[in-house]
Amino acid sequence: QVQLVESGGGSVPAGGSLRLSCAVSERTFTSYTMGWFRQAPGRERHIVSAIKWSSGRVYYADSVKGRFTISRDSTKNMVFLEMNSLKPEDTAVYYCAAAVDVSARIPTATDEYDYWGQGTQVTVSS
C-alpha cells in the first residue's frame, strides 16, 4: 500500500511563494505518475501538475503554467510543487496523488489516480 504525506502548506499574501512536499512510502517507485491536485471550497478537485516518475516528463494546468514547478527526488522518494506568484484563486486544499502507469500518457483525471494524501491547506490573501 502506497502512502503519501503532504506538507508545506500555509498562508501567504498574493505574490508570495510556497513549496509543497509529498513523501512517498513506496521504495521502488518507478512505474507511477505523481500528481498534485487542488480543491477549493464548493468546487471539484482538479489537477494542477503531474510528473512521470521514471522519465520526469511533466504536465501543468494552464492556470499555473509559468508559476508552478513540479519536481521529484528519487533518492528521497519525494515530490515537490514549487508555487510562485501565488494568487488568491490558488487558495485550496492541495493533494498529492499517485497513479499506476498504464500508458505513456500523463493521467489528469482524479479517477485515474490510485493513492491520495490527506491534503494540505494553501491560503493566499489579497
Protein backbone atom coordinates (compact mmCIF):
# COMPACT_ATOMS: atom_id res chain seq x y z
CA GLN A 1 0.00 0.00 0.00
CA VAL A 2 1.44 3.33 -1.07
CA GLN A 3 1.20 6.10 1.49
CA LEU A 4 1.53 9.77 0.63
CA VAL A 5 2.07 12.54 3.15
CA GLU A 6 1.93 16.20 2.12
CA SER A 7 3.50 19.12 3.94
CA GLY A 8 4.38 22.74 3.30
CA GLY A 9 1.00 24.40 3.09
CA GLY A 10 0.28 27.70 4.80
CA SER A 11 -0.95 31.25 4.42
CA VAL A 12 0.82 33.80 2.25
CA PRO A 13 -0.05 37.16 0.70
CA ALA A 14 -0.65 37.45 -3.03
CA GLY A 15 2.62 37.31 -4.91
CA GLY A 16 4.20 35.05 -2.32
CA SER A 17 5.65 31.57 -2.66
CA LEU A 18 5.22 28.18 -1.06
CA ARG A 19 6.82 24.80 -1.58
CA LEU A 20 4.71 21.71 -1.07
CA SER A 21 6.33 18.37 -0.37
CA CYS A 22 4.97 14.86 -0.70
CA ALA A 23 6.71 11.96 0.97
CA VAL A 24 6.12 8.62 -0.75
CA SER A 25 6.28 5.39 1.22
CA GLU A 26 6.90 3.07 -1.74
CA ARG A 27 10.59 2.30 -2.09
CA THR A 28 10.62 1.05 -5.67
CA PHE A 29 8.66 3.84 -7.23
CA THR A 30 9.39 3.76 -10.92
CA SER A 31 6.12 2.96 -12.65
CA TYR A 32 3.95 5.73 -11.30
CA THR A 33 2.85 9.20 -12.21
CA MET A 34 2.75 11.64 -9.33
CA GLY A 35 0.19 14.40 -9.40
CA TRP A 36 -0.76 17.48 -7.44
CA PHE A 37 -4.45 18.30 -7.30
CA ARG A 38 -6.34 21.05 -5.56
CA GLN A 39 -9.85 21.56 -4.33
CA ALA A 40 -11.36 24.88 -3.37
CA PRO A 41 -14.49 25.06 -1.15
CA GLY A 42 -17.59 24.10 -3.09
CA ARG A 43 -15.62 23.13 -6.17
CA GLU A 44 -14.43 19.90 -7.70
CA ARG A 45 -10.93 18.58 -7.28
CA HIS A 46 -8.80 19.08 -10.36
CA ILE A 47 -5.23 18.57 -11.43
CA VAL A 48 -2.57 21.22 -11.05
CA SER A 49 0.52 19.38 -12.18
CA ALA A 50 1.91 15.88 -12.69
CA ILE A 51 5.24 14.18 -13.33
CA LYS A 52 6.19 10.78 -14.68
CA TRP A 53 8.45 9.30 -12.05
CA SER A 54 10.70 7.40 -14.46
CA SER A 55 11.12 9.96 -17.26
CA GLY A 56 10.49 13.24 -15.46
CA ARG A 57 8.02 14.33 -18.13
CA VAL A 58 5.65 16.93 -16.70
CA TYR A 59 2.19 18.39 -17.13
CA TYR A 60 0.81 21.72 -15.90
CA ALA A 61 -2.69 23.07 -15.88
CA ASP A 62 -2.96 26.29 -17.88
CA SER A 63 -3.81 28.25 -14.75
CA VAL A 64 -0.41 27.55 -13.17
CA LYS A 65 1.95 27.43 -16.15
CA GLY A 66 4.95 29.67 -15.61
CA ARG A 67 4.26 29.97 -11.88
CA PHE A 68 4.40 26.41 -10.51
CA THR A 69 7.16 23.84 -10.89
CA ILE A 70 6.85 20.15 -10.11
CA SER A 71 9.90 18.02 -9.37
CA ARG A 72 10.88 14.74 -7.75
CA ASP A 73 13.82 13.49 -5.75
CA SER A 74 14.28 9.79 -6.40
CA THR A 75 16.86 9.41 -3.65
CA LYS A 76 14.40 10.66 -1.03
CA ASN A 77 11.17 9.34 -2.60
CA MET A 78 9.67 12.80 -2.56
CA VAL A 79 7.72 15.02 -4.93
CA PHE A 80 7.64 18.79 -4.71
CA LEU A 81 5.47 21.60 -6.00
CA GLU A 82 7.16 24.99 -6.02
CA MET A 83 4.49 27.68 -6.21
CA ASN A 84 5.45 31.25 -7.06
CA SER A 85 3.48 34.41 -7.79
CA LEU A 86 0.57 33.00 -5.83
CA LYS A 87 -2.88 34.43 -6.39
CA PRO A 88 -5.97 34.40 -4.18
CA GLU A 89 -7.57 31.98 -6.65
CA ASP A 90 -4.83 29.46 -5.81
CA THR A 91 -6.41 29.07 -2.38
CA ALA A 92 -7.41 25.42 -1.92
CA VAL A 93 -6.55 22.17 -0.26
CA TYR A 94 -3.71 20.61 -2.22
CA TYR A 95 -3.45 16.86 -2.56
CA CYS A 96 -0.60 14.64 -3.64
CA ALA A 97 -1.65 11.57 -5.62
CA ALA A 98 -0.09 8.58 -7.36
CA ALA A 99 -1.29 6.76 -10.44
CA VAL A 100 0.00 3.38 -11.53
CA ASP A 101 1.29 3.85 -15.06
CA VAL A 102 -0.80 2.06 -17.70
CA SER A 103 0.44 4.05 -20.71
CA ALA A 104 2.87 6.77 -21.71
CA ARG A 105 0.14 9.36 -21.32
CA ILE A 106 0.15 11.56 -18.23
CA PRO A 107 -3.15 11.00 -16.39
CA THR A 108 -5.06 14.15 -15.45
CA ALA A 109 -8.39 12.95 -14.06
CA THR A 110 -8.96 12.25 -10.39
CA ASP A 111 -10.32 8.77 -11.09
CA GLU A 112 -7.07 7.81 -12.82
CA TYR A 113 -5.15 8.13 -9.56
CA ASP A 114 -4.92 5.22 -7.16
CA TYR A 115 -3.45 6.70 -3.99
CA TRP A 116 -4.03 10.02 -2.24
CA GLY A 117 -2.53 12.01 0.56
CA GLN A 118 -4.56 13.74 3.25
CA GLY A 119 -4.16 17.21 1.76
CA THR A 120 -2.57 20.44 2.89
CA GLN A 121 -4.24 23.85 3.01
CA VAL A 122 -2.88 26.73 0.95
CA THR A 123 -4.40 30.16 1.58
CA VAL A 124 -3.44 33.21 -0.45
CA SER A 125 -4.70 36.55 0.78
CA SER A 126 -5.29 39.57 -1.44
